């Protein structure tokens, strides 16, 4: 028979926001016990009183704090360069048979230009281009026959290089992005590869976002 503390721990670990709030001491344990009691009783196969759940939560919080620190310390310590770019624009187009050819033409035209930022992010029905403001007229000319969905200016990006082992630890992105969310910073676009990710945000938020991510890198925000 599975013990109540084990069931409570598994219940909490399935809810990362809840786990984080517990570690930060932001949740009333009595209220939480009442909230999760139906789920705990379901897995326990018997009635469980709030007191037993509260006791399990009290014992769980210190373990969560320790596991969280151990889990992410190695990742955070090995975060690589943080690169900031400004003067960017975001253009989204409907996917088409000719869109890839337009992308190829654009890359050929800017191949010799230094300090020009250009990246593509293709989804199921649309493709987003994040480019330097200086080449927006060129993009609009090459893509003139494509269907433009949206266009945004006054954007900046922050690129963070992660250690290769980041993919082995669930929740790495959550623990980084939650710091931006707590400070009410809106992410316009997110570009991700295996070992790095780029957040695109409004110019007005760039200084706060950079400070937050630097704090994460130093281990101060987590």
N, C-alpha and C. Protein backbone atom coordinates (compact mmCIF):
# COMPACT_ATOMS: atom_id res chain seq x y z
N UNK A 1 0.84 -1.20 0.00
CA UNK A 1 0.00 0.00 0.00
C UNK A 1 0.88 1.26 0.00
N UNK A 2 0.63 2.15 -0.93
CA UNK A 2 1.44 3.37 -1.03
C UNK A 2 1.12 4.31 0.12
N UNK A 3 2.16 4.88 0.72
CA UNK A 3 1.98 5.76 1.87
C UNK A 3 1.44 7.13 1.45
N UNK A 4 0.81 7.82 2.39
CA UNK A 4 0.27 9.16 2.11
C UNK A 4 1.38 10.14 1.71
N UNK A 5 2.53 10.19 2.43
CA UNK A 5 3.60 11.11 2.01
C UNK A 5 4.06 10.87 0.56
N UNK A 6 4.13 9.61 0.16
CA UNK A 6 4.56 9.30 -1.21
C UNK A 6 3.53 9.80 -2.22
N UNK A 7 2.26 9.58 -1.92
CA UNK A 7 1.19 10.04 -2.83
C UNK A 7 1.17 11.55 -2.92
N UNK A 8 1.33 12.23 -1.77
CA UNK A 8 1.34 13.70 -1.76
C UNK A 8 2.51 14.22 -2.59
N UNK A 9 3.68 13.62 -2.43
CA UNK A 9 4.86 14.06 -3.19
C UNK A 9 4.64 13.89 -4.69
N UNK A 10 4.11 12.76 -5.11
CA UNK A 10 3.85 12.53 -6.53
C UNK A 10 2.81 13.52 -7.07
N UNK A 11 1.82 13.84 -6.25
CA UNK A 11 0.78 14.79 -6.65
C UNK A 11 1.37 16.17 -6.87
N UNK A 12 2.24 16.60 -5.97
CA UNK A 12 2.86 17.93 -6.08
C UNK A 12 3.82 18.00 -7.26
N UNK A 13 4.59 16.94 -7.47
CA UNK A 13 5.60 16.96 -8.53
C UNK A 13 4.99 17.02 -9.93
N UNK A 14 3.71 16.68 -10.04
CA UNK A 14 3.04 16.77 -11.34
C UNK A 14 2.61 18.19 -11.65
N UNK A 15 2.79 19.09 -10.68
CA UNK A 15 2.33 20.48 -10.85
C UNK A 15 3.50 21.42 -10.56
N UNK A 16 4.35 21.72 -11.57
CA UNK A 16 5.56 22.51 -11.34
C UNK A 16 5.31 23.87 -10.73
N UNK A 17 4.23 24.57 -11.12
CA UNK A 17 3.95 25.88 -10.54
C UNK A 17 3.66 25.74 -9.05
N UNK A 18 2.95 24.69 -8.70
CA UNK A 18 2.61 24.43 -7.31
C UNK A 18 3.86 24.09 -6.51
N UNK A 19 4.72 23.29 -7.08
CA UNK A 19 5.97 22.92 -6.42
C UNK A 19 6.81 24.17 -6.15
N UNK A 20 6.90 25.04 -7.13
CA UNK A 20 7.68 26.26 -6.98
C UNK A 20 7.10 27.17 -5.89
N UNK A 21 5.77 27.30 -5.87
CA UNK A 21 5.12 28.15 -4.88
C UNK A 21 5.30 27.60 -3.47
N UNK A 22 5.31 26.28 -3.34
CA UNK A 22 5.55 25.67 -2.03
C UNK A 22 6.95 25.99 -1.53
N UNK A 23 7.92 25.86 -2.42
CA UNK A 23 9.31 26.14 -2.05
C UNK A 23 9.47 27.59 -1.61
N UNK A 24 8.73 28.49 -2.26
CA UNK A 24 8.83 29.92 -1.93
C UNK A 24 7.93 30.30 -0.75
N UNK A 25 7.19 29.34 -0.18
CA UNK A 25 6.35 29.61 0.98
C UNK A 25 5.14 30.48 0.69
N UNK A 26 4.59 30.37 -0.51
CA UNK A 26 3.50 31.24 -0.93
C UNK A 26 2.12 30.60 -0.78
N UNK A 27 2.07 29.36 -0.30
CA UNK A 27 0.80 28.64 -0.27
C UNK A 27 0.43 28.26 1.16
N UNK A 28 -0.85 28.45 1.49
CA UNK A 28 -1.39 28.01 2.77
C UNK A 28 -1.57 26.49 2.72
N UNK A 29 -0.88 25.77 3.58
CA UNK A 29 -0.88 24.32 3.52
C UNK A 29 -2.24 23.71 3.82
N UNK A 30 -3.01 24.34 4.71
CA UNK A 30 -4.34 23.82 5.02
C UNK A 30 -5.25 23.88 3.81
N UNK A 31 -5.20 25.01 3.10
CA UNK A 31 -6.02 25.17 1.89
C UNK A 31 -5.57 24.20 0.81
N UNK A 32 -4.26 24.04 0.67
CA UNK A 32 -3.74 23.12 -0.33
C UNK A 32 -4.15 21.68 -0.01
N UNK A 33 -4.10 21.32 1.27
CA UNK A 33 -4.48 19.96 1.68
C UNK A 33 -5.92 19.66 1.27
N UNK A 34 -6.80 20.63 1.50
CA UNK A 34 -8.20 20.43 1.12
C UNK A 34 -8.35 20.32 -0.39
N UNK A 35 -7.53 21.08 -1.11
CA UNK A 35 -7.62 21.11 -2.56
C UNK A 35 -7.19 19.78 -3.17
N UNK A 36 -6.12 19.19 -2.67
CA UNK A 36 -5.58 17.98 -3.30
C UNK A 36 -6.10 16.70 -2.65
N UNK A 37 -6.90 16.82 -1.58
CA UNK A 37 -7.37 15.62 -0.87
C UNK A 37 -8.12 14.64 -1.78
N UNK A 38 -9.03 15.10 -2.69
CA UNK A 38 -9.70 14.13 -3.57
C UNK A 38 -8.73 13.32 -4.41
N UNK A 39 -7.68 13.97 -4.91
CA UNK A 39 -6.70 13.27 -5.73
C UNK A 39 -5.90 12.29 -4.89
N UNK A 40 -5.52 12.71 -3.68
CA UNK A 40 -4.77 11.83 -2.78
C UNK A 40 -5.63 10.62 -2.40
N UNK A 41 -6.89 10.85 -2.09
CA UNK A 41 -7.78 9.75 -1.70
C UNK A 41 -7.99 8.78 -2.87
N UNK A 42 -8.03 9.32 -4.08
CA UNK A 42 -8.22 8.48 -5.25
C UNK A 42 -7.09 7.47 -5.38
N UNK A 43 -5.83 7.94 -5.22
CA UNK A 43 -4.68 7.05 -5.37
C UNK A 43 -4.46 6.19 -4.12
N UNK A 44 -4.90 6.69 -2.98
CA UNK A 44 -4.73 5.92 -1.75
C UNK A 44 -5.80 4.82 -1.64
N UNK A 45 -6.94 5.04 -2.27
CA UNK A 45 -8.01 4.07 -2.22
C UNK A 45 -8.74 4.05 -0.89
N UNK A 46 -8.63 5.15 -0.16
CA UNK A 46 -9.30 5.25 1.14
C UNK A 46 -9.44 6.71 1.52
N UNK A 47 -10.21 7.00 2.54
CA UNK A 47 -10.36 8.37 3.02
C UNK A 47 -9.08 8.82 3.72
N UNK A 48 -8.75 10.08 3.51
CA UNK A 48 -7.55 10.65 4.11
C UNK A 48 -7.93 11.99 4.73
N UNK A 49 -7.55 12.23 5.98
CA UNK A 49 -7.90 13.50 6.60
C UNK A 49 -6.88 14.58 6.25
N UNK A 50 -7.31 15.84 6.38
CA UNK A 50 -6.45 16.97 6.01
C UNK A 50 -5.16 16.99 6.82
N UNK A 51 -5.24 16.59 8.10
CA UNK A 51 -4.06 16.62 8.96
C UNK A 51 -2.93 15.76 8.43
N UNK A 52 -3.28 14.58 7.89
CA UNK A 52 -2.25 13.69 7.35
C UNK A 52 -1.58 14.31 6.13
N UNK A 53 -2.37 15.00 5.31
CA UNK A 53 -1.81 15.64 4.12
C UNK A 53 -0.94 16.83 4.50
N UNK A 54 -1.40 17.62 5.49
CA UNK A 54 -0.61 18.77 5.94
C UNK A 54 0.73 18.30 6.50
N UNK A 55 0.71 17.22 7.28
CA UNK A 55 1.95 16.69 7.84
C UNK A 55 2.90 16.25 6.71
N UNK A 56 2.34 15.61 5.69
CA UNK A 56 3.17 15.18 4.56
C UNK A 56 3.75 16.37 3.82
N UNK A 57 2.97 17.44 3.67
CA UNK A 57 3.46 18.65 2.99
C UNK A 57 4.57 19.31 3.79
N UNK A 58 4.41 19.38 5.11
CA UNK A 58 5.44 19.98 5.97
C UNK A 58 6.77 19.24 5.84
N UNK A 59 6.70 17.93 5.71
CA UNK A 59 7.92 17.14 5.55
C UNK A 59 8.48 17.21 4.14
N UNK A 60 7.58 17.46 3.19
CA UNK A 60 7.99 17.47 1.78
C UNK A 60 8.74 18.74 1.38
N UNK A 61 8.32 19.89 1.90
CA UNK A 61 8.88 21.17 1.46
C UNK A 61 10.41 21.22 1.58
N UNK A 62 11.01 20.85 2.72
CA UNK A 62 12.49 20.89 2.78
C UNK A 62 13.14 19.98 1.74
N UNK A 63 12.52 18.83 1.46
CA UNK A 63 13.07 17.93 0.44
C UNK A 63 12.99 18.56 -0.95
N UNK A 64 11.88 19.22 -1.22
CA UNK A 64 11.73 19.88 -2.52
C UNK A 64 12.79 20.97 -2.71
N UNK A 65 13.05 21.72 -1.65
CA UNK A 65 14.05 22.78 -1.72
C UNK A 65 15.42 22.20 -2.04
N UNK A 66 15.78 21.12 -1.35
CA UNK A 66 17.08 20.49 -1.57
C UNK A 66 17.19 19.89 -2.96
N UNK A 67 16.15 19.16 -3.38
CA UNK A 67 16.16 18.54 -4.71
C UNK A 67 16.22 19.59 -5.81
N UNK A 68 15.52 20.70 -5.62
CA UNK A 68 15.53 21.77 -6.61
C UNK A 68 16.91 22.38 -6.76
N UNK A 69 17.57 22.61 -5.64
CA UNK A 69 18.91 23.19 -5.67
C UNK A 69 19.90 22.25 -6.35
N UNK A 70 19.85 20.97 -5.98
CA UNK A 70 20.77 19.99 -6.56
C UNK A 70 20.51 19.81 -8.05
N UNK A 71 19.22 19.75 -8.39
CA UNK A 71 18.80 19.47 -9.76
C UNK A 71 19.30 20.51 -10.74
N UNK A 72 19.23 21.77 -10.35
CA UNK A 72 19.51 22.84 -11.30
C UNK A 72 20.86 23.54 -11.08
N UNK A 73 21.53 23.21 -9.99
CA UNK A 73 22.78 23.91 -9.70
C UNK A 73 23.80 23.72 -10.81
N UNK A 74 23.94 22.46 -11.28
CA UNK A 74 24.93 22.18 -12.32
C UNK A 74 24.58 22.90 -13.62
N UNK A 75 23.29 22.90 -13.98
CA UNK A 75 22.85 23.56 -15.20
C UNK A 75 23.11 25.06 -15.11
N UNK A 76 22.69 25.66 -14.01
CA UNK A 76 22.81 27.11 -13.85
C UNK A 76 24.27 27.54 -13.85
N UNK A 77 25.11 26.77 -13.17
CA UNK A 77 26.53 27.13 -13.09
C UNK A 77 27.21 27.10 -14.45
N UNK A 78 26.67 26.30 -15.38
CA UNK A 78 27.31 26.13 -16.68
C UNK A 78 26.57 26.83 -17.82
N UNK A 79 25.65 27.73 -17.48
CA UNK A 79 25.03 28.53 -18.53
C UNK A 79 26.11 29.35 -19.23
N UNK A 80 26.08 29.35 -20.55
CA UNK A 80 27.11 30.03 -21.32
C UNK A 80 26.82 31.51 -21.52
N UNK A 81 27.28 32.02 -22.64
CA UNK A 81 27.14 33.45 -22.93
C UNK A 81 25.67 33.85 -23.04
N UNK A 82 25.41 35.08 -22.64
CA UNK A 82 24.09 35.69 -22.85
C UNK A 82 24.29 36.83 -23.84
N UNK A 83 23.66 36.70 -25.00
CA UNK A 83 23.88 37.65 -26.10
C UNK A 83 22.60 38.47 -26.31
N UNK A 84 22.77 39.78 -26.32
CA UNK A 84 21.63 40.70 -26.49
C UNK A 84 21.70 41.35 -27.87
N UNK A 85 20.56 41.39 -28.55
CA UNK A 85 20.47 42.08 -29.84
C UNK A 85 19.28 43.03 -29.80
N UNK A 86 19.42 44.15 -30.46
CA UNK A 86 18.33 45.14 -30.51
C UNK A 86 18.01 45.48 -31.96
N UNK A 87 17.02 46.38 -32.12
CA UNK A 87 16.60 46.82 -33.46
C UNK A 87 16.15 45.65 -34.33
N UNK A 88 15.20 44.87 -33.80
CA UNK A 88 14.69 43.71 -34.52
C UNK A 88 13.22 43.90 -34.91
N UNK A 89 12.79 43.12 -35.89
CA UNK A 89 11.39 43.11 -36.31
C UNK A 89 10.93 41.67 -36.44
N UNK A 90 9.64 41.48 -36.27
CA UNK A 90 9.04 40.15 -36.33
C UNK A 90 7.99 40.16 -37.45
N UNK A 91 8.15 39.27 -38.43
CA UNK A 91 7.20 39.16 -39.53
C UNK A 91 6.74 37.71 -39.64
N UNK A 92 5.45 37.50 -39.66
CA UNK A 92 4.90 36.15 -39.75
C UNK A 92 4.13 35.99 -41.07
N UNK A 93 4.40 34.88 -41.78
CA UNK A 93 3.76 34.60 -43.06
C UNK A 93 3.07 33.24 -43.04
N UNK A 94 2.01 33.14 -43.81
CA UNK A 94 1.33 31.86 -43.99
C UNK A 94 2.25 30.93 -44.77
N UNK A 95 2.36 29.69 -44.33
CA UNK A 95 3.19 28.71 -45.05
C UNK A 95 2.65 28.49 -46.47
N UNK A 96 3.56 28.39 -47.42
CA UNK A 96 3.18 28.14 -48.81
C UNK A 96 4.28 27.37 -49.50
N UNK A 97 4.00 26.91 -50.72
CA UNK A 97 4.99 26.15 -51.48
C UNK A 97 6.17 27.02 -51.91
N UNK A 98 5.95 28.32 -51.96
CA UNK A 98 7.01 29.22 -52.44
C UNK A 98 7.76 29.91 -51.30
N UNK A 99 7.33 29.68 -50.08
CA UNK A 99 7.94 30.39 -48.94
C UNK A 99 9.40 30.01 -48.73
N UNK A 100 9.69 28.73 -48.91
CA UNK A 100 11.07 28.27 -48.71
C UNK A 100 12.00 28.92 -49.71
N UNK A 101 11.54 29.08 -50.93
CA UNK A 101 12.36 29.73 -51.96
C UNK A 101 12.65 31.18 -51.59
N UNK A 102 11.66 31.84 -51.00
CA UNK A 102 11.86 33.22 -50.54
C UNK A 102 12.92 33.27 -49.44
N UNK A 103 12.87 32.31 -48.55
CA UNK A 103 13.85 32.26 -47.47
C UNK A 103 15.26 32.10 -48.06
N UNK A 104 15.38 31.23 -49.05
CA UNK A 104 16.69 31.00 -49.69
C UNK A 104 17.21 32.28 -50.35
N UNK A 105 16.31 32.98 -51.03
CA UNK A 105 16.71 34.23 -51.68
C UNK A 105 17.20 35.24 -50.64
N UNK A 106 16.49 35.33 -49.52
CA UNK A 106 16.87 36.28 -48.49
C UNK A 106 18.25 35.95 -47.93
N UNK A 107 18.49 34.69 -47.65
CA UNK A 107 19.79 34.29 -47.10
C UNK A 107 20.92 34.58 -48.08
N UNK A 108 20.67 34.39 -49.37
CA UNK A 108 21.69 34.69 -50.39
C UNK A 108 21.99 36.19 -50.42
N UNK A 109 20.96 37.01 -50.30
CA UNK A 109 21.13 38.47 -50.39
C UNK A 109 21.87 39.05 -49.18
N UNK A 110 21.72 38.43 -48.02
CA UNK A 110 22.33 39.00 -46.81
C UNK A 110 23.60 38.25 -46.40
N UNK A 111 24.01 37.28 -47.20
CA UNK A 111 25.15 36.43 -46.84
C UNK A 111 26.41 37.24 -46.55
N UNK A 112 26.63 38.31 -47.28
CA UNK A 112 27.85 39.11 -47.12
C UNK A 112 27.70 40.26 -46.12
N UNK A 113 26.50 40.41 -45.56
CA UNK A 113 26.27 41.52 -44.64
C UNK A 113 26.61 41.10 -43.20
N UNK A 114 27.45 41.86 -42.58
CA UNK A 114 27.84 41.58 -41.21
C UNK A 114 26.85 42.22 -40.23
N UNK A 115 26.78 41.63 -39.05
CA UNK A 115 25.94 42.16 -37.96
C UNK A 115 24.46 42.22 -38.33
N UNK A 116 24.03 41.34 -39.22
CA UNK A 116 22.61 41.25 -39.56
C UNK A 116 22.04 39.99 -38.91
N UNK A 117 20.94 40.17 -38.20
CA UNK A 117 20.31 39.04 -37.53
C UNK A 117 19.15 38.55 -38.38
N UNK A 118 19.08 37.23 -38.56
CA UNK A 118 17.98 36.65 -39.35
C UNK A 118 17.76 35.21 -38.91
N UNK A 119 16.56 34.91 -38.51
CA UNK A 119 16.24 33.54 -38.13
C UNK A 119 14.81 33.22 -38.55
N UNK A 120 14.58 31.94 -38.87
CA UNK A 120 13.26 31.48 -39.28
C UNK A 120 12.74 30.47 -38.27
N UNK A 121 11.47 30.52 -37.99
CA UNK A 121 10.82 29.55 -37.12
C UNK A 121 9.54 29.09 -37.80
N UNK A 122 9.55 27.83 -38.29
CA UNK A 122 8.42 27.33 -39.06
C UNK A 122 7.49 26.49 -38.20
N UNK A 123 6.22 26.85 -38.22
CA UNK A 123 5.20 26.07 -37.53
C UNK A 123 4.38 25.28 -38.52
N UNK A 124 3.25 24.75 -38.06
CA UNK A 124 2.40 23.93 -38.92
C UNK A 124 1.76 24.77 -40.03
N UNK A 125 1.31 25.97 -39.67
CA UNK A 125 0.60 26.77 -40.66
C UNK A 125 1.25 28.09 -41.00
N UNK A 126 2.31 28.46 -40.28
CA UNK A 126 2.92 29.76 -40.52
C UNK A 126 4.41 29.73 -40.19
N UNK A 127 5.12 30.71 -40.72
CA UNK A 127 6.55 30.84 -40.48
C UNK A 127 6.84 32.26 -40.01
N UNK A 128 7.64 32.35 -38.96
CA UNK A 128 8.00 33.65 -38.42
C UNK A 128 9.46 33.97 -38.74
N UNK A 129 9.69 35.20 -39.16
CA UNK A 129 11.04 35.69 -39.40
C UNK A 129 11.36 36.75 -38.35
N UNK A 130 12.47 36.58 -37.66
CA UNK A 130 12.99 37.61 -36.76
C UNK A 130 14.23 38.17 -37.44
N UNK A 131 14.19 39.44 -37.82
CA UNK A 131 15.29 40.02 -38.61
C UNK A 131 15.66 41.40 -38.08
N UNK A 132 16.85 41.83 -38.45
CA UNK A 132 17.28 43.19 -38.14
C UNK A 132 16.41 44.19 -38.89
N UNK A 133 16.12 45.31 -38.24
CA UNK A 133 15.30 46.33 -38.89
C UNK A 133 15.86 46.77 -40.23
N UNK A 134 17.19 46.73 -40.35
CA UNK A 134 17.84 47.22 -41.56
C UNK A 134 17.48 46.43 -42.81
N UNK A 135 17.05 45.17 -42.65
CA UNK A 135 16.72 44.38 -43.84
C UNK A 135 15.21 44.14 -44.00
N UNK A 136 14.41 44.83 -43.20
CA UNK A 136 12.96 44.67 -43.33
C UNK A 136 12.47 45.03 -44.73
N UNK A 137 12.93 46.15 -45.35
CA UNK A 137 12.50 46.45 -46.72
C UNK A 137 12.84 45.34 -47.71
N UNK A 138 14.02 44.72 -47.51
CA UNK A 138 14.42 43.62 -48.37
C UNK A 138 13.50 42.42 -48.18
N UNK A 139 13.18 42.11 -46.94
CA UNK A 139 12.27 41.00 -46.64
C UNK A 139 10.91 41.25 -47.30
N UNK A 140 10.40 42.45 -47.14
CA UNK A 140 9.08 42.76 -47.69
C UNK A 140 9.06 42.68 -49.22
N UNK A 141 10.19 43.01 -49.83
CA UNK A 141 10.27 42.93 -51.29
C UNK A 141 10.31 41.47 -51.75
N UNK A 142 11.16 40.66 -51.12
CA UNK A 142 11.29 39.26 -51.52
C UNK A 142 10.01 38.47 -51.22
N UNK A 143 9.35 38.81 -50.12
CA UNK A 143 8.15 38.07 -49.69
C UNK A 143 6.85 38.78 -50.11
N UNK A 144 6.94 39.66 -51.10
CA UNK A 144 5.78 40.49 -51.46
C UNK A 144 4.58 39.68 -51.93
N UNK A 145 4.81 38.49 -52.47
CA UNK A 145 3.71 37.67 -52.95
C UNK A 145 3.20 36.67 -51.90
N UNK A 146 3.81 36.71 -50.71
CA UNK A 146 3.37 35.82 -49.64
C UNK A 146 2.33 36.53 -48.77
N UNK A 147 1.60 35.75 -48.00
CA UNK A 147 0.53 36.31 -47.15
C UNK A 147 1.10 36.67 -45.78
N UNK A 148 1.17 37.98 -45.52
CA UNK A 148 1.69 38.45 -44.25
C UNK A 148 0.59 38.39 -43.18
N UNK A 149 0.90 37.74 -42.06
CA UNK A 149 -0.06 37.61 -40.96
C UNK A 149 0.08 38.77 -39.98
N UNK A 150 1.32 39.07 -39.61
CA UNK A 150 1.55 40.14 -38.64
C UNK A 150 2.97 40.67 -38.78
N UNK A 151 3.16 41.87 -38.27
CA UNK A 151 4.48 42.50 -38.29
C UNK A 151 4.63 43.34 -37.03
N UNK A 152 5.74 43.16 -36.33
CA UNK A 152 6.01 43.91 -35.10
C UNK A 152 7.40 44.50 -35.16
N UNK A 153 7.52 45.74 -34.65
CA UNK A 153 8.82 46.41 -34.60
C UNK A 153 9.21 46.67 -33.14
N UNK A 154 10.30 47.36 -32.96
CA UNK A 154 10.78 47.75 -31.63
C UNK A 154 10.98 46.54 -30.72
N UNK A 155 11.69 45.54 -31.26
CA UNK A 155 11.94 44.32 -30.51
C UNK A 155 13.43 44.13 -30.25
N UNK A 156 13.71 43.36 -29.22
CA UNK A 156 15.08 42.96 -28.89
C UNK A 156 15.08 41.48 -28.56
N UNK A 157 16.26 40.87 -28.59
CA UNK A 157 16.34 39.44 -28.28
C UNK A 157 17.47 39.19 -27.28
N UNK A 158 17.30 38.12 -26.52
CA UNK A 158 18.34 37.65 -25.60
C UNK A 158 18.54 36.17 -25.86
N UNK A 159 19.76 35.79 -26.20
CA UNK A 159 20.09 34.40 -26.47
C UNK A 159 20.93 33.84 -25.33
N UNK A 160 20.52 32.68 -24.83
CA UNK A 160 21.24 32.03 -23.74
C UNK A 160 21.72 30.67 -24.22
N UNK A 161 23.00 30.39 -24.01
CA UNK A 161 23.56 29.10 -24.37
C UNK A 161 23.56 28.20 -23.14
N UNK A 162 22.94 27.03 -23.29
CA UNK A 162 22.82 26.08 -22.19
C UNK A 162 23.83 24.95 -22.34
N UNK A 163 24.24 24.33 -21.24
CA UNK A 163 25.12 23.16 -21.33
C UNK A 163 24.40 21.99 -21.97
N UNK A 164 25.15 21.08 -22.56
CA UNK A 164 24.56 19.97 -23.32
C UNK A 164 23.63 19.11 -22.48
N UNK A 165 23.90 19.00 -21.17
CA UNK A 165 23.09 18.12 -20.32
C UNK A 165 21.75 18.72 -19.94
N UNK A 166 21.42 19.91 -20.45
CA UNK A 166 20.15 20.55 -20.07
C UNK A 166 18.95 19.69 -20.44
N UNK A 167 19.07 18.92 -21.53
CA UNK A 167 17.94 18.10 -21.98
C UNK A 167 17.65 16.92 -21.06
N UNK A 168 18.55 16.65 -20.13
CA UNK A 168 18.38 15.51 -19.22
C UNK A 168 17.58 15.88 -17.99
N UNK A 169 17.34 17.19 -17.79
CA UNK A 169 16.68 17.65 -16.57
C UNK A 169 15.37 18.34 -16.90
N UNK A 170 14.24 17.69 -16.63
CA UNK A 170 12.95 18.34 -16.89
C UNK A 170 12.78 19.61 -16.06
N UNK A 171 12.19 20.63 -16.64
CA UNK A 171 11.89 21.84 -15.89
C UNK A 171 12.91 22.95 -15.98
N UNK A 172 14.00 22.74 -16.74
CA UNK A 172 15.04 23.78 -16.84
C UNK A 172 14.46 25.07 -17.41
N UNK A 173 13.70 24.96 -18.50
CA UNK A 173 13.13 26.15 -19.11
C UNK A 173 12.11 26.80 -18.17
N UNK A 174 11.35 26.00 -17.48
CA UNK A 174 10.35 26.55 -16.55
C UNK A 174 11.02 27.41 -15.49
N UNK A 175 12.10 26.90 -14.90
CA UNK A 175 12.74 27.63 -13.82
C UNK A 175 13.40 28.92 -14.30
N UNK A 176 13.69 29.01 -15.58
CA UNK A 176 14.24 30.25 -16.13
C UNK A 176 13.10 31.21 -16.50
N UNK A 177 12.10 30.69 -17.23
CA UNK A 177 11.03 31.55 -17.71
C UNK A 177 10.13 32.06 -16.59
N UNK A 178 10.04 31.33 -15.49
CA UNK A 178 9.16 31.80 -14.41
C UNK A 178 9.65 33.12 -13.84
N UNK A 179 10.98 33.34 -13.89
CA UNK A 179 11.52 34.59 -13.38
C UNK A 179 11.07 35.76 -14.24
N UNK A 180 10.99 35.56 -15.55
CA UNK A 180 10.49 36.60 -16.44
C UNK A 180 9.00 36.82 -16.21
N UNK A 181 8.27 35.73 -16.02
CA UNK A 181 6.82 35.84 -15.81
C UNK A 181 6.51 36.57 -14.51
N UNK A 182 7.28 36.28 -13.46
CA UNK A 182 7.05 36.95 -12.17
C UNK A 182 7.23 38.45 -12.28
N UNK A 183 8.08 38.88 -13.22
CA UNK A 183 8.33 40.32 -13.38
C UNK A 183 7.48 40.92 -14.48
N UNK A 184 6.48 40.16 -14.94
CA UNK A 184 5.50 40.65 -15.92
C UNK A 184 6.14 41.04 -17.25
N UNK A 185 7.14 40.25 -17.66
CA UNK A 185 7.79 40.51 -18.94
C UNK A 185 7.18 39.58 -19.99
N UNK A 186 6.63 40.18 -21.03
CA UNK A 186 5.97 39.40 -22.08
C UNK A 186 6.99 38.93 -23.12
N UNK A 187 6.93 37.66 -23.46
CA UNK A 187 7.79 37.10 -24.49
C UNK A 187 7.02 37.10 -25.81
N UNK A 188 7.51 37.88 -26.76
CA UNK A 188 6.85 37.99 -28.06
C UNK A 188 7.07 36.73 -28.89
N UNK A 189 8.30 36.23 -28.89
CA UNK A 189 8.63 35.01 -29.62
C UNK A 189 9.67 34.23 -28.82
N UNK A 190 9.69 32.93 -29.04
CA UNK A 190 10.70 32.07 -28.43
C UNK A 190 11.29 31.19 -29.51
N UNK A 191 12.61 31.21 -29.64
CA UNK A 191 13.32 30.40 -30.63
C UNK A 191 14.22 29.46 -29.86
N UNK A 192 14.07 28.17 -30.11
CA UNK A 192 14.82 27.19 -29.32
C UNK A 192 15.52 26.18 -30.21
N UNK A 193 16.78 25.87 -29.87
CA UNK A 193 17.51 24.77 -30.49
C UNK A 193 17.96 23.84 -29.36
N UNK A 194 18.79 22.86 -29.67
CA UNK A 194 19.13 21.86 -28.66
C UNK A 194 19.80 22.46 -27.43
N UNK A 195 20.75 23.33 -27.65
CA UNK A 195 21.54 23.84 -26.52
C UNK A 195 21.51 25.36 -26.37
N UNK A 196 20.54 26.00 -26.96
CA UNK A 196 20.38 27.43 -26.73
C UNK A 196 18.94 27.83 -27.02
N UNK A 197 18.54 28.94 -26.44
CA UNK A 197 17.22 29.48 -26.75
C UNK A 197 17.31 31.00 -26.79
N UNK A 198 16.40 31.59 -27.55
CA UNK A 198 16.35 33.03 -27.71
C UNK A 198 14.95 33.51 -27.39
N UNK A 199 14.86 34.50 -26.52
CA UNK A 199 13.57 35.13 -26.24
C UNK A 199 13.55 36.49 -26.94
N UNK A 200 12.44 36.77 -27.58
CA UNK A 200 12.25 38.06 -28.25
C UNK A 200 11.22 38.84 -27.46
N UNK A 201 11.60 40.05 -27.05
CA UNK A 201 10.74 40.86 -26.20
C UNK A 201 10.73 42.30 -26.70
N UNK A 202 9.85 43.10 -26.13
CA UNK A 202 9.80 44.51 -26.49
C UNK A 202 11.05 45.24 -26.01
N UNK A 203 11.45 46.25 -26.76
CA UNK A 203 12.63 47.04 -26.39
C UNK A 203 12.54 47.58 -24.96
N UNK A 204 11.32 47.95 -24.56
CA UNK A 204 11.15 48.57 -23.24
C UNK A 204 11.44 47.61 -22.10
N UNK A 205 11.43 46.29 -22.37
CA UNK A 205 11.65 45.30 -21.31
C UNK A 205 13.06 44.73 -21.30
N UNK A 206 13.89 45.14 -22.25
CA UNK A 206 15.17 44.46 -22.44
C UNK A 206 16.09 44.58 -21.23
N UNK A 207 16.14 45.75 -20.60
CA UNK A 207 17.06 45.93 -19.47
C UNK A 207 16.64 45.08 -18.28
N UNK A 208 15.35 45.06 -17.98
CA UNK A 208 14.86 44.24 -16.86
C UNK A 208 15.08 42.76 -17.14
N UNK A 209 14.77 42.34 -18.37
CA UNK A 209 14.91 40.93 -18.72
C UNK A 209 16.36 40.48 -18.64
N UNK A 210 17.26 41.31 -19.12
CA UNK A 210 18.68 40.96 -19.07
C UNK A 210 19.16 40.85 -17.63
N UNK A 211 18.75 41.76 -16.79
CA UNK A 211 19.14 41.72 -15.38
C UNK A 211 18.63 40.45 -14.70
N UNK A 212 17.39 40.08 -15.02
CA UNK A 212 16.79 38.87 -14.43
C UNK A 212 17.55 37.62 -14.87
N UNK A 213 17.84 37.53 -16.17
CA UNK A 213 18.52 36.34 -16.67
C UNK A 213 19.96 36.26 -16.19
N UNK A 214 20.60 37.39 -15.99
CA UNK A 214 21.93 37.39 -15.40
C UNK A 214 21.87 36.90 -13.95
N UNK A 215 20.82 37.29 -13.24
CA UNK A 215 20.64 36.82 -11.86
C UNK A 215 20.41 35.31 -11.83
N UNK A 216 19.65 34.81 -12.81
CA UNK A 216 19.44 33.36 -12.91
C UNK A 216 20.78 32.65 -13.14
N UNK A 217 21.58 33.22 -14.03
CA UNK A 217 22.88 32.62 -14.33
C UNK A 217 23.76 32.55 -13.08
N UNK A 218 23.66 33.56 -12.23
CA UNK A 218 24.47 33.60 -11.01
C UNK A 218 23.84 32.80 -9.88
N UNK A 219 22.63 32.26 -10.13
CA UNK A 219 21.97 31.47 -9.11
C UNK A 219 21.23 32.28 -8.10
N UNK A 220 21.05 33.57 -8.35
CA UNK A 220 20.41 34.45 -7.37
C UNK A 220 18.90 34.44 -7.48
N UNK A 221 18.37 34.11 -8.66
CA UNK A 221 16.93 34.23 -8.85
C UNK A 221 16.19 32.93 -8.58
N UNK A 222 16.90 31.81 -8.58
CA UNK A 222 16.23 30.53 -8.41
C UNK A 222 16.27 30.11 -6.95
